C-alpha cells in the first residue's frame, strides 16, 4: 500500500473525496484544480507522499521524471501542447505552497505573464 499522507491530496488519492481525474498511472494522479487560474489547470501529484520539492533526494529521480512525463501527456490530451503551457511547483510557504504534498500545476489555454508572482 502506498503511503499517500493525510493531506487533501492523500484523500483524493484514496478516493475519499471527489476530484475530476484526467489521468492516472500506478504512481501518479492528475486532476482538475478546483480553483483554476486558466482554462486548463491540472494538478499532478505522486501517489506516494513527498512533502515538497525540497524533500526529494536521489531515490526520487524516477517519480520526478514520471511527474514530468505525465504533465506532457496531459498537455497533449488537453490540446495545449502546441500552444504552450506552464509547469509550476510551489515549494514552502514563501513559495506559495498551500498543500504540503509535492504537486505540479499544469496551466495553459491562455497567454502567461512574466514575472508570475
PDB file of N, CA and C in Angstrom:
ATOM      1  N   UNK A   1       0.848  -1.198   0.000  1.00  0.00           N
ATOM      2  CA  UNK A   1       0.000   0.000   0.000  1.00  0.00           C
ATOM      3  C   UNK A   1       0.886   1.252   0.000  1.00  0.00           C
ATOM      4  N   UNK A   2       0.567   2.185  -0.843  1.00  0.00           N
ATOM      5  CA  UNK A   2       1.319   3.440  -0.946  1.00  0.00           C
ATOM      6  C   UNK A   2       0.915   4.355   0.212  1.00  0.00           C
ATOM      7  N   UNK A   3       1.908   4.953   0.874  1.00  0.00           N
ATOM      8  CA  UNK A   3       1.624   5.942   1.914  1.00  0.00           C
ATOM      9  C   UNK A   3       1.353   7.273   1.225  1.00  0.00           C
ATOM     10  N   UNK A   4       0.064   7.644   1.146  1.00  0.00           N
ATOM     11  CA  UNK A   4      -0.323   8.857   0.433  1.00  0.00           C
ATOM     12  C   UNK A   4      -0.440  10.075   1.345  1.00  0.00           C
ATOM     13  N   UNK A   5      -0.232   9.894   2.641  1.00  0.00           N
ATOM     14  CA  UNK A   5      -0.260  11.026   3.557  1.00  0.00           C
ATOM     15  C   UNK A   5      -1.662  11.441   3.953  1.00  0.00           C
ATOM     16  N   UNK A   6      -1.735  12.424   4.841  1.00  0.00           N
ATOM     17  CA  UNK A   6      -3.016  12.862   5.392  1.00  0.00           C
ATOM     18  C   UNK A   6      -3.504  14.197   4.863  1.00  0.00           C
ATOM     19  N   UNK A   7      -2.915  14.690   3.783  1.00  0.00           N
ATOM     20  CA  UNK A   7      -3.366  15.956   3.207  1.00  0.00           C
ATOM     21  C   UNK A   7      -4.626  15.723   2.371  1.00  0.00           C
ATOM     22  N   UNK A   8      -5.190  16.792   1.866  1.00  0.00           N
ATOM     23  CA  UNK A   8      -6.342  16.684   0.962  1.00  0.00           C
ATOM     24  C   UNK A   8      -5.970  15.853  -0.272  1.00  0.00           C
ATOM     25  N   UNK A   9      -4.719  15.941  -0.701  1.00  0.00           N
ATOM     26  CA  UNK A   9      -4.294  15.149  -1.859  1.00  0.00           C
ATOM     27  C   UNK A   9      -4.274  13.664  -1.518  1.00  0.00           C
ATOM     28  N   UNK A  10      -3.867  13.319  -0.301  1.00  0.00           N
ATOM     29  CA  UNK A  10      -3.925  11.922   0.120  1.00  0.00           C
ATOM     30  C   UNK A  10      -5.348  11.397   0.088  1.00  0.00           C
ATOM     31  N   UNK A  11      -6.297  12.231   0.494  1.00  0.00           N
ATOM     32  CA  UNK A  11      -7.710  11.838   0.465  1.00  0.00           C
ATOM     33  C   UNK A  11      -8.211  11.679  -0.964  1.00  0.00           C
ATOM     34  N   UNK A  12      -7.731  12.517  -1.875  1.00  0.00           N
ATOM     35  CA  UNK A  12      -8.100  12.376  -3.289  1.00  0.00           C
ATOM     36  C   UNK A  12      -7.515  11.083  -3.850  1.00  0.00           C
ATOM     37  N   UNK A  13      -6.259  10.794  -3.530  1.00  0.00           N
ATOM     38  CA  UNK A  13      -5.623   9.559  -3.996  1.00  0.00           C
ATOM     39  C   UNK A  13      -6.421   8.343  -3.538  1.00  0.00           C
ATOM     40  N   UNK A  14      -6.854   8.355  -2.279  1.00  0.00           N
ATOM     41  CA  UNK A  14      -7.604   7.227  -1.717  1.00  0.00           C
ATOM     42  C   UNK A  14      -9.082   7.245  -2.108  1.00  0.00           C
ATOM     43  N   UNK A  15      -9.483   8.246  -2.905  1.00  0.00           N
ATOM     44  CA  UNK A  15     -10.864   8.394  -3.373  1.00  0.00           C
ATOM     45  C   UNK A  15     -11.843   8.634  -2.221  1.00  0.00           C
ATOM     46  N   UNK A  16     -11.336   9.254  -1.141  1.00  0.00           N
ATOM     47  CA  UNK A  16     -12.187   9.604  -0.001  1.00  0.00           C
ATOM     48  C   UNK A  16     -12.957  10.888  -0.267  1.00  0.00           C
ATOM     49  N   UNK A  17     -12.415  11.738  -1.127  1.00  0.00           N
ATOM     50  CA  UNK A  17     -13.127  12.932  -1.569  1.00  0.00           C
ATOM     51  C   UNK A  17     -13.055  12.973  -3.094  1.00  0.00           C
ATOM     52  N   UNK A  18     -14.070  13.557  -3.732  1.00  0.00           N
ATOM     53  CA  UNK A  18     -14.108  13.531  -5.196  1.00  0.00           C
ATOM     54  C   UNK A  18     -13.142  14.515  -5.836  1.00  0.00           C
ATOM     55  N   UNK A  19     -12.726  14.164  -7.032  1.00  0.00           N
ATOM     56  CA  UNK A  19     -11.908  15.036  -7.878  1.00  0.00           C
ATOM     57  C   UNK A  19     -12.182  14.633  -9.313  1.00  0.00           C
ATOM     58  N   UNK A  20     -12.016  15.559 -10.224  1.00  0.00           N
ATOM     59  CA  UNK A  20     -12.167  15.257 -11.642  1.00  0.00           C
ATOM     60  C   UNK A  20     -10.813  14.785 -12.162  1.00  0.00           C
ATOM     61  N   UNK A  21     -10.635  13.476 -12.141  1.00  0.00           N
ATOM     62  CA  UNK A  21      -9.373  12.867 -12.536  1.00  0.00           C
ATOM     63  C   UNK A  21      -9.293  12.834 -14.057  1.00  0.00           C
ATOM     64  N   UNK A  22      -8.154  13.301 -14.586  1.00  0.00           N
ATOM     65  CA  UNK A  22      -7.963  13.327 -16.037  1.00  0.00           C
ATOM     66  C   UNK A  22      -6.935  12.310 -16.517  1.00  0.00           C
ATOM     67  N   UNK A  23      -6.094  11.824 -15.585  1.00  0.00           N
ATOM     68  CA  UNK A  23      -5.065  10.858 -15.970  1.00  0.00           C
ATOM     69  C   UNK A  23      -4.553  10.188 -14.703  1.00  0.00           C
ATOM     70  N   UNK A  24      -4.237   8.892 -14.820  1.00  0.00           N
ATOM     71  CA  UNK A  24      -3.738   8.167 -13.656  1.00  0.00           C
ATOM     72  C   UNK A  24      -2.807   7.055 -14.103  1.00  0.00           C
ATOM     73  N   UNK A  25      -1.713   6.896 -13.363  1.00  0.00           N
ATOM     74  CA  UNK A  25      -0.813   5.760 -13.532  1.00  0.00           C
ATOM     75  C   UNK A  25      -0.714   5.071 -12.173  1.00  0.00           C
ATOM     76  N   UNK A  26       0.101   4.066 -12.095  1.00  0.00           N
ATOM     77  CA  UNK A  26       0.311   3.365 -10.820  1.00  0.00           C
ATOM     78  C   UNK A  26       0.874   4.312  -9.760  1.00  0.00           C
ATOM     79  N   UNK A  27       1.670   5.303 -10.192  1.00  0.00           N
ATOM     80  CA  UNK A  27       2.389   6.174  -9.257  1.00  0.00           C
ATOM     81  C   UNK A  27       1.955   7.623  -9.220  1.00  0.00           C
ATOM     82  N   UNK A  28       1.153   8.064 -10.199  1.00  0.00           N
ATOM     83  CA  UNK A  28       0.839   9.485 -10.361  1.00  0.00           C
ATOM     84  C   UNK A  28      -0.649   9.669 -10.638  1.00  0.00           C
ATOM     85  N   UNK A  29      -1.196  10.775 -10.125  1.00  0.00           N
ATOM     86  CA  UNK A  29      -2.597  11.121 -10.348  1.00  0.00           C
ATOM     87  C   UNK A  29      -2.665  12.564 -10.834  1.00  0.00           C
ATOM     88  N   UNK A  30      -3.492  12.817 -11.849  1.00  0.00           N
ATOM     89  CA  UNK A  30      -3.686  14.178 -12.378  1.00  0.00           C
ATOM     90  C   UNK A  30      -5.177  14.497 -12.341  1.00  0.00           C
ATOM     91  N   UNK A  31      -5.514  15.674 -11.835  1.00  0.00           N
ATOM     92  CA  UNK A  31      -6.921  16.063 -11.704  1.00  0.00           C
ATOM     93  C   UNK A  31      -7.071  17.568 -11.868  1.00  0.00           C
ATOM     94  N   UNK A  32      -8.284  18.000 -12.191  1.00  0.00           N
ATOM     95  CA  UNK A  32      -8.559  19.421 -12.408  1.00  0.00           C
ATOM     96  C   UNK A  32      -8.516  20.179 -11.086  1.00  0.00           C
ATOM     97  N   UNK A  33      -7.867  21.345 -11.111  1.00  0.00           N
ATOM     98  CA  UNK A  33      -7.798  22.209  -9.933  1.00  0.00           C
ATOM     99  C   UNK A  33      -9.191  22.764  -9.647  1.00  0.00           C
ATOM    100  N   UNK A  34      -9.560  22.822  -8.373  1.00  0.00           N
ATOM    101  CA  UNK A  34     -10.899  23.323  -8.027  1.00  0.00           C
ATOM    102  C   UNK A  34     -10.993  24.843  -8.106  1.00  0.00           C
ATOM    103  N   UNK A  35      -9.863  25.527  -8.157  1.00  0.00           N
ATOM    104  CA  UNK A  35      -9.832  26.982  -8.314  1.00  0.00           C
ATOM    105  C   UNK A  35      -8.899  27.337  -9.466  1.00  0.00           C
ATOM    106  N   UNK A  36      -9.301  27.038 -10.697  1.00  0.00           N
ATOM    107  CA  UNK A  36      -8.395  27.229 -11.838  1.00  0.00           C
ATOM    108  C   UNK A  36      -8.028  28.687 -12.075  1.00  0.00           C
ATOM    109  N   UNK A  37      -6.770  28.889 -12.499  1.00  0.00           N
ATOM    110  CA  UNK A  37      -6.278  30.227 -12.835  1.00  0.00           C
ATOM    111  C   UNK A  37      -6.175  30.418 -14.350  1.00  0.00           C
ATOM    112  N   UNK A  38      -6.563  29.395 -15.094  1.00  0.00           N
ATOM    113  CA  UNK A  38      -6.524  29.425 -16.555  1.00  0.00           C
ATOM    114  C   UNK A  38      -7.525  28.392 -17.067  1.00  0.00           C
ATOM    115  N   UNK A  39      -7.863  28.451 -18.352  1.00  0.00           N
ATOM    116  CA  UNK A  39      -8.803  27.465 -18.894  1.00  0.00           C
ATOM    117  C   UNK A  39      -8.383  26.015 -18.648  1.00  0.00           C
ATOM    118  N   UNK A  40      -7.089  25.740 -18.718  1.00  0.00           N
ATOM    119  CA  UNK A  40      -6.576  24.424 -18.346  1.00  0.00           C
ATOM    120  C   UNK A  40      -5.734  24.595 -17.102  1.00  0.00           C
ATOM    121  N   UNK A  41      -6.119  23.926 -16.027  1.00  0.00           N
ATOM    122  CA  UNK A  41      -5.354  23.963 -14.778  1.00  0.00           C
ATOM    123  C   UNK A  41      -5.488  22.593 -14.129  1.00  0.00           C
ATOM    124  N   UNK A  42      -4.445  21.791 -14.293  1.00  0.00           N
ATOM    125  CA  UNK A  42      -4.415  20.417 -13.810  1.00  0.00           C
ATOM    126  C   UNK A  42      -3.359  20.295 -12.714  1.00  0.00           C
ATOM    127  N   UNK A  43      -3.703  19.607 -11.643  1.00  0.00           N
ATOM    128  CA  UNK A  43      -2.760  19.318 -10.562  1.00  0.00           C
ATOM    129  C   UNK A  43      -2.256  17.891 -10.766  1.00  0.00           C
ATOM    130  N   UNK A  44      -0.946  17.704 -10.694  1.00  0.00           N
ATOM    131  CA  UNK A  44      -0.334  16.393 -10.915  1.00  0.00           C
ATOM    132  C   UNK A  44       0.475  16.046  -9.672  1.00  0.00           C
ATOM    133  N   UNK A  45       0.155  14.892  -9.066  1.00  0.00           N
ATOM    134  CA  UNK A  45       0.766  14.529  -7.792  1.00  0.00           C
ATOM    135  C   UNK A  45       1.310  13.106  -7.816  1.00  0.00           C
ATOM    136  N   UNK A  46       2.378  12.868  -7.041  1.00  0.00           N
ATOM    137  CA  UNK A  46       2.792  11.488  -6.839  1.00  0.00           C
ATOM    138  C   UNK A  46       1.829  10.842  -5.847  1.00  0.00           C
ATOM    139  N   UNK A  47       1.513   9.590  -6.043  1.00  0.00           N
ATOM    140  CA  UNK A  47       0.637   8.906  -5.091  1.00  0.00           C
ATOM    141  C   UNK A  47       1.344   8.644  -3.767  1.00  0.00           C
ATOM    142  N   UNK A  48       2.652   8.500  -3.818  1.00  0.00           N
ATOM    143  CA  UNK A  48       3.435   8.345  -2.588  1.00  0.00           C
ATOM    144  C   UNK A  48       3.660   9.729  -2.002  1.00  0.00           C
ATOM    145  N   UNK A  49       3.442   9.860  -0.717  1.00  0.00           N
ATOM    146  CA  UNK A  49       3.608  11.156  -0.067  1.00  0.00           C
ATOM    147  C   UNK A  49       5.059  11.627  -0.120  1.00  0.00           C
ATOM    148  N   UNK A  50       5.248  12.811  -0.664  1.00  0.00           N
ATOM    149  CA  UNK A  50       6.502  13.560  -0.607  1.00  0.00           C
ATOM    150  C   UNK A  50       6.075  14.970  -0.213  1.00  0.00           C
ATOM    151  N   UNK A  51       6.620  15.507   0.844  1.00  0.00           N
ATOM    152  CA  UNK A  51       6.162  16.796   1.366  1.00  0.00           C
ATOM    153  C   UNK A  51       6.285  17.930   0.356  1.00  0.00           C
ATOM    154  N   UNK A  52       7.466  18.068  -0.244  1.00  0.00           N
ATOM    155  CA  UNK A  52       7.699  19.184  -1.161  1.00  0.00           C
ATOM    156  C   UNK A  52       8.952  18.902  -1.975  1.00  0.00           C
ATOM    157  N   UNK A  53       9.264  19.782  -2.903  1.00  0.00           N
ATOM    158  CA  UNK A  53      10.425  19.585  -3.762  1.00  0.00           C
ATOM    159  C   UNK A  53      11.729  19.604  -2.957  1.00  0.00           C
ATOM    160  N   UNK A  54      11.759  20.379  -1.872  1.00  0.00           N
ATOM    161  CA  UNK A  54      12.959  20.440  -1.035  1.00  0.00           C
ATOM    162  C   UNK A  54      13.216  19.121  -0.308  1.00  0.00           C
ATOM    163  N   UNK A  55      12.221  18.248  -0.256  1.00  0.00           N
ATOM    164  CA  UNK A  55      12.355  16.971   0.460  1.00  0.00           C
ATOM    165  C   UNK A  55      12.820  15.815  -0.417  1.00  0.00           C
ATOM    166  N   UNK A  56      12.969  16.035  -1.710  1.00  0.00           N
ATOM    167  CA  UNK A  56      13.340  14.922  -2.584  1.00  0.00           C
ATOM    168  C   UNK A  56      14.837  14.649  -2.516  1.00  0.00           C
ATOM    169  N   UNK A  57      15.184  13.418  -2.874  1.00  0.00           N
ATOM    170  CA  UNK A  57      16.588  13.020  -2.908  1.00  0.00           C
ATOM    171  C   UNK A  57      16.843  12.151  -4.122  1.00  0.00           C
ATOM    172  N   UNK A  58      18.027  11.582  -4.228  1.00  0.00           N
ATOM    173  CA  UNK A  58      18.378  10.747  -5.380  1.00  0.00           C
ATOM    174  C   UNK A  58      17.406   9.591  -5.624  1.00  0.00           C
ATOM    175  N   UNK A  59      16.824   9.051  -4.568  1.00  0.00           N
ATOM    176  CA  UNK A  59      15.889   7.933  -4.726  1.00  0.00           C
ATOM    177  C   UNK A  59      14.582   8.353  -5.396  1.00  0.00           C
ATOM    178  N   UNK A  60      14.334   9.663  -5.516  1.00  0.00           N
ATOM    179  CA  UNK A  60      13.085  10.170  -6.091  1.00  0.00           C
ATOM    180  C   UNK A  60      13.200  10.521  -7.572  1.00  0.00           C
ATOM    181  N   UNK A  61      14.357  10.255  -8.191  1.00  0.00           N
ATOM    182  CA  UNK A  61      14.555  10.627  -9.602  1.00  0.00           C
ATOM    183  C   UNK A  61      13.476  10.030 -10.496  1.00  0.00           C
ATOM    184  N   UNK A  62      13.125   8.780 -10.277  1.00  0.00           N
ATOM    185  CA  UNK A  62      12.158   8.117 -11.146  1.00  0.00           C
ATOM    186  C   UNK A  62      10.776   8.765 -11.051  1.00  0.00           C
ATOM    187  N   UNK A  63      10.301   9.045  -9.845  1.00  0.00           N
ATOM    188  CA  UNK A  63       8.971   9.639  -9.703  1.00  0.00           C
ATOM    189  C   UNK A  63       8.956  11.072 -10.226  1.00  0.00           C
ATOM    190  N   UNK A  64      10.057  11.805 -10.053  1.00  0.00           N
ATOM    191  CA  UNK A  64      10.113  13.166 -10.598  1.00  0.00           C
ATOM    192  C   UNK A  64      10.025  13.137 -12.119  1.00  0.00           C
ATOM    193  N   UNK A  65      10.721  12.193 -12.735  1.00  0.00           N
ATOM    194  CA  UNK A  65      10.640  12.048 -14.185  1.00  0.00           C
ATOM    195  C   UNK A  65       9.240  11.666 -14.632  1.00  0.00           C
ATOM    196  N   UNK A  66       8.603  10.770 -13.891  1.00  0.00           N
ATOM    197  CA  UNK A  66       7.244  10.364 -14.262  1.00  0.00           C
ATOM    198  C   UNK A  66       6.265  11.529 -14.143  1.00  0.00           C
ATOM    199  N   UNK A  67       6.435  12.368 -13.122  1.00  0.00           N
ATOM    200  CA  UNK A  67       5.568  13.544 -12.995  1.00  0.00           C
ATOM    201  C   UNK A  67       5.665  14.421 -14.246  1.00  0.00           C
ATOM    202  N   UNK A  68       6.874  14.636 -14.731  1.00  0.00           N
ATOM    203  CA  UNK A  68       7.060  15.459 -15.930  1.00  0.00           C
ATOM    204  C   UNK A  68       6.488  14.777 -17.171  1.00  0.00           C
ATOM    205  N   UNK A  69       6.683  13.477 -17.297  1.00  0.00           N
ATOM    206  CA  UNK A  69       6.123  12.754 -18.444  1.00  0.00           C
ATOM    207  C   UNK A  69       4.603  12.788 -18.426  1.00  0.00           C
ATOM    208  N   UNK A  70       4.011  12.659 -17.258  1.00  0.00           N
ATOM    209  CA  UNK A  70       2.558  12.757 -17.148  1.00  0.00           C
ATOM    210  C   UNK A  70       2.106  14.161 -17.537  1.00  0.00           C
ATOM    211  N   UNK A  71       2.841  15.172 -17.110  1.00  0.00           N
ATOM    212  CA  UNK A  71       2.480  16.550 -17.474  1.00  0.00           C
ATOM    213  C   UNK A  71       2.453  16.726 -18.986  1.00  0.00           C
ATOM    214  N   UNK A  72       3.449  16.192 -19.694  1.00  0.00           N
ATOM    215  CA  UNK A  72       3.460  16.341 -21.153  1.00  0.00           C
ATOM    216  C   UNK A  72       2.322  15.556 -21.796  1.00  0.00           C
ATOM    217  N   UNK A  73       2.006  14.390 -21.266  1.00  0.00           N
ATOM    218  CA  UNK A  73       0.893  13.595 -21.802  1.00  0.00           C
ATOM    219  C   UNK A  73      -0.442  14.305 -21.579  1.00  0.00           C
ATOM    220  N   UNK A  74      -0.627  14.858 -20.400  1.00  0.00           N
ATOM    221  CA  UNK A  74      -1.873  15.579 -20.115  1.00  0.00           C
ATOM    222  C   UNK A  74      -1.970  16.829 -20.991  1.00  0.00           C
ATOM    223  N   UNK A  75      -0.862  17.528 -21.212  1.00  0.00           N
ATOM    224  CA  UNK A  75      -0.876  18.698 -22.102  1.00  0.00           C
ATOM    225  C   UNK A  75      -1.343  18.297 -23.497  1.00  0.00           C
ATOM    226  N   UNK A  76      -0.883  17.150 -23.987  1.00  0.00           N
ATOM    227  CA  UNK A  76      -1.336  16.650 -25.293  1.00  0.00           C
ATOM    228  C   UNK A  76      -2.837  16.399 -25.270  1.00  0.00           C
ATOM    229  N   UNK A  77      -3.306  15.706 -24.245  1.00  0.00           N
ATOM    230  CA  UNK A  77      -4.729  15.359 -24.141  1.00  0.00           C
ATOM    231  C   UNK A  77      -5.616  16.592 -23.987  1.00  0.00           C
ATOM    232  N   UNK A  78      -5.072  17.640 -23.396  1.00  0.00           N
ATOM    233  CA  UNK A  78      -5.825  18.885 -23.191  1.00  0.00           C
ATOM    234  C   UNK A  78      -5.699  19.836 -24.380  1.00  0.00           C
ATOM    235  N   UNK A  79      -4.975  19.406 -25.413  1.00  0.00           N
ATOM    236  CA  UNK A  79      -4.791  20.196 -26.632  1.00  0.00           C
ATOM    237  C   UNK A  79      -4.101  21.537 -26.394  1.00  0.00           C
ATOM    238  N   UNK A  80      -3.140  21.553 -25.476  1.00  0.00           N
ATOM    239  CA  UNK A  80      -2.359  22.773 -25.247  1.00  0.00           C
ATOM    240  C   UNK A  80      -0.888  22.560 -25.572  1.00  0.00           C
ATOM    241  N   UNK A  81      -0.542  21.375 -26.020  1.00  0.00           N
ATOM    242  CA  UNK A  81       0.857  21.035 -26.291  1.00  0.00           C
ATOM    243  C   UNK A  81       1.503  22.008 -27.281  1.00  0.00           C
ATOM    244  N   UNK A  82       0.843  22.310 -28.369  1.00  0.00           N
ATOM    245  CA  UNK A  82       1.423  23.167 -29.408  1.00  0.00           C
ATOM    246  C   UNK A  82       1.314  24.656 -29.097  1.00  0.00           C
ATOM    247  N   UNK A  83       0.344  25.047 -28.286  1.00  0.00           N
ATOM    248  CA  UNK A  83       0.138  26.458 -27.970  1.00  0.00           C
ATOM    249  C   UNK A  83       1.062  26.937 -26.858  1.00  0.00           C
ATOM    250  N   UNK A  84       1.470  26.026 -25.997  1.00  0.00           N
ATOM    251  CA  UNK A  84       2.326  26.366 -24.864  1.00  0.00           C
ATOM    252  C   UNK A  84       1.581  26.272 -23.549  1.00  0.00           C
ATOM    253  N   UNK A  85       2.341  26.056 -22.503  1.00  0.00           N
ATOM    254  CA  UNK A  85       1.778  25.909 -21.159  1.00  0.00           C
ATOM    255  C   UNK A  85       2.869  26.162 -20.140  1.00  0.00           C
ATOM    256  N   UNK A  86       2.473  26.210 -18.893  1.00  0.00           N
ATOM    257  CA  UNK A  86       3.412  26.447 -17.805  1.00  0.00           C
ATOM    258  C   UNK A  86       3.299  25.310 -16.796  1.00  0.00           C
ATOM    259  N   UNK A  87       4.457  24.885 -16.267  1.00  0.00           N
ATOM    260  CA  UNK A  87       4.516  23.929 -15.170  1.00  0.00           C
ATOM    261  C   UNK A  87       5.004  24.696 -13.949  1.00  0.00           C
ATOM    262  N   UNK A  88       4.266  24.630 -12.851  1.00  0.00           N
ATOM    263  CA  UNK A  88       4.628  25.354 -11.641  1.00  0.00           C
ATOM    264  C   UNK A  88       4.735  24.362 -10.485  1.00  0.00           C
ATOM    265  N   UNK A  89       5.813  24.492  -9.712  1.00  0.00           N
ATOM    266  CA  UNK A  89       5.957  23.739  -8.470  1.00  0.00           C
ATOM    267  C   UNK A  89       6.208  24.765  -7.367  1.00  0.00           C
ATOM    268  N   UNK A  90       5.242  24.947  -6.490  1.00  0.00           N
ATOM    269  CA  UNK A  90       5.405  25.836  -5.349  1.00  0.00           C
ATOM    270  C   UNK A  90       6.041  25.029  -4.218  1.00  0.00           C
ATOM    271  N   UNK A  91       7.063  25.591  -3.584  1.00  0.00           N
ATOM    272  CA  UNK A  91       7.755  24.888  -2.512  1.00  0.00           C
ATOM    273  C   UNK A  91       7.869  25.787  -1.294  1.00  0.00           C
ATOM    274  N   UNK A  92       7.320  25.344  -0.182  1.00  0.00           N
ATOM    275  CA  UNK A  92       7.357  26.102   1.067  1.00  0.00           C
ATOM    276  C   UNK A  92       6.353  27.238   1.083  1.00  0.00           C
ATOM    277  N   UNK A  93       6.123  27.771   2.269  1.00  0.00           N
ATOM    278  CA  UNK A  93       5.118  28.832   2.444  1.00  0.00           C
ATOM    279  C   UNK A  93       5.420  30.065   1.600  1.00  0.00           C
ATOM    280  N   UNK A  94       6.679  30.533   1.610  1.00  0.00           N
ATOM    281  CA  UNK A  94       7.005  31.721   0.823  1.00  0.00           C
ATOM    282  C   UNK A  94       6.968  31.434  -0.667  1.00  0.00           C
ATOM    283  N   UNK A  95       7.077  30.187  -1.051  1.00  0.00           N
ATOM    284  CA  UNK A  95       6.967  29.796  -2.453  1.00  0.00           C
ATOM    285  C   UNK A  95       5.523  29.623  -2.901  1.00  0.00           C
ATOM    286  N   UNK A  96       4.579  29.792  -1.978  1.00  0.00           N
ATOM    287  CA  UNK A  96       3.163  29.705  -2.324  1.00  0.00           C
ATOM    288  C   UNK A  96       2.550  28.332  -2.142  1.00  0.00           C
ATOM    289  N   UNK A  97       3.277  27.395  -1.541  1.00  0.00           N
ATOM    290  CA  UNK A  97       2.723  26.050  -1.341  1.00  0.00           C
ATOM    291  C   UNK A  97       1.679  26.095  -0.238  1.00  0.00           C
ATOM    292  N   UNK A  98       0.474  25.611  -0.540  1.00  0.00           N
ATOM    293  CA  UNK A  98      -0.598  25.581   0.458  1.00  0.00           C
ATOM    294  C   UNK A  98      -0.978  24.160   0.857  1.00  0.00           C
ATOM    295  N   UNK A  99      -0.720  23.192  -0.012  1.00  0.00           N
ATOM    296  CA  UNK A  99      -0.919  21.785   0.330  1.00  0.00           C
ATOM    297  C   UNK A  99       0.465  21.154   0.358  1.00  0.00           C
ATOM    298  N   UNK A 100       0.845  20.642   1.518  1.00  0.00           N
ATOM    299  CA  UNK A 100       2.197  20.123   1.688  1.00  0.00           C
ATOM    300  C   UNK A 100       2.279  18.650   1.307  1.00  0.00           C
ATOM    301  N   UNK A 101       2.078  18.445   0.013  1.00  0.00           N
ATOM    302  CA  UNK A 101       2.248  17.179  -0.710  1.00  0.00           C
ATOM    303  C   UNK A 101       2.728  17.644  -2.078  1.00  0.00           C
ATOM    304  N   UNK A 102       3.939  17.217  -2.465  1.00  0.00           N
ATOM    305  CA  UNK A 102       4.515  17.664  -3.732  1.00  0.00           C
ATOM    306  C   UNK A 102       3.486  17.597  -4.855  1.00  0.00           C
ATOM    307  N   UNK A 103       3.403  18.664  -5.639  1.00  0.00           N
ATOM    308  CA  UNK A 103       2.478  18.677  -6.776  1.00  0.00           C
ATOM    309  C   UNK A 103       2.934  19.682  -7.827  1.00  0.00           C
ATOM    310  N   UNK A 104       2.569  19.378  -9.059  1.00  0.00           N
ATOM    311  CA  UNK A 104       2.810  20.264 -10.191  1.00  0.00           C
ATOM    312  C   UNK A 104       1.491  20.883 -10.599  1.00  0.00           C
ATOM    313  N   UNK A 105       1.533  22.114 -11.054  1.00  0.00           N
ATOM    314  CA  UNK A 105       0.375  22.734 -11.692  1.00  0.00           C
ATOM    315  C   UNK A 105       0.697  22.804 -13.178  1.00  0.00           C
ATOM    316  N   UNK A 106      -0.163  22.225 -13.996  1.00  0.00           N
ATOM    317  CA  UNK A 106      -0.091  22.350 -15.450  1.00  0.00           C
ATOM    318  C   UNK A 106      -1.123  23.399 -15.824  1.00  0.00           C
ATOM    319  N   UNK A 107      -0.651  24.542 -16.323  1.00  0.00           N
ATOM    320  CA  UNK A 107      -1.526  25.685 -16.574  1.00  0.00           C
ATOM    321  C   UNK A 107      -1.395  26.098 -18.034  1.00  0.00           C
ATOM    322  N   UNK A 108      -2.518  26.242 -18.717  1.00  0.00           N
ATOM    323  CA  UNK A 108      -2.473  26.658 -20.113  1.00  0.00           C
ATOM    324  C   UNK A 108      -3.840  27.092 -20.613  1.00  0.00           C
ATOM    325  N   UNK A 109      -3.892  27.298 -21.904  1.00  0.00           N
ATOM    326  CA  UNK A 109      -5.145  27.735 -22.523  1.00  0.00           C
ATOM    327  C   UNK A 109      -5.279  29.238 -22.627  1.00  0.00           C
ATOM    328  N   UNK A 110      -4.253  29.973 -22.211  1.00  0.00           N
ATOM    329  CA  UNK A 110      -4.211  31.427 -22.331  1.00  0.00           C
ATOM    330  C   UNK A 110      -2.753  31.853 -22.280  1.00  0.00           C
ATOM    331  N   UNK A 111      -2.496  33.095 -22.683  1.00  0.00           N
ATOM    332  CA  UNK A 111      -1.131  33.631 -22.608  1.00  0.00           C
ATOM    333  C   UNK A 111      -0.735  33.821 -21.149  1.00  0.00           C
ATOM    334  N   UNK A 112       0.508  33.528 -20.830  1.00  0.00           N
ATOM    335  CA  UNK A 112       1.030  33.662 -19.477  1.00  0.00           C
ATOM    336  C   UNK A 112       1.861  34.938 -19.379  1.00  0.00           C
ATOM    337  N   UNK A 113       1.765  35.615 -18.248  1.00  0.00           N
ATOM    338  CA  UNK A 113       2.557  36.812 -17.984  1.00  0.00           C
ATOM    339  C   UNK A 113       3.852  36.445 -17.291  1.00  0.00           C
ATOM    340  N   UNK A 114       4.833  37.353 -17.357  1.00  0.00           N
ATOM    341  CA  UNK A 114       6.080  37.180 -16.630  1.00  0.00           C
ATOM    342  C   UNK A 114       6.519  38.511 -16.089  1.00  0.00           C
ATOM    343  N   UNK A 115       6.948  38.654 -14.872  1.00  0.00           N
ATOM    344  CA  UNK A 115       7.116  37.575 -13.913  1.00  0.00           C
ATOM    345  C   UNK A 115       5.774  37.105 -13.360  1.00  0.00           C
ATOM    346  N   UNK A 116       5.719  35.847 -12.913  1.00  0.00           N
ATOM    347  CA  UNK A 116       4.448  35.266 -12.495  1.00  0.00           C
ATOM    348  C   UNK A 116       3.973  35.732 -11.131  1.00  0.00           C
ATOM    349  N   UNK A 117       4.854  36.107 -10.220  1.00  0.00           N
ATOM    350  CA  UNK A 117       4.418  36.378  -8.848  1.00  0.00           C
ATOM    351  C   UNK A 117       4.456  37.810  -8.505  1.00  0.00           C
TER     352      UNK A 117
END
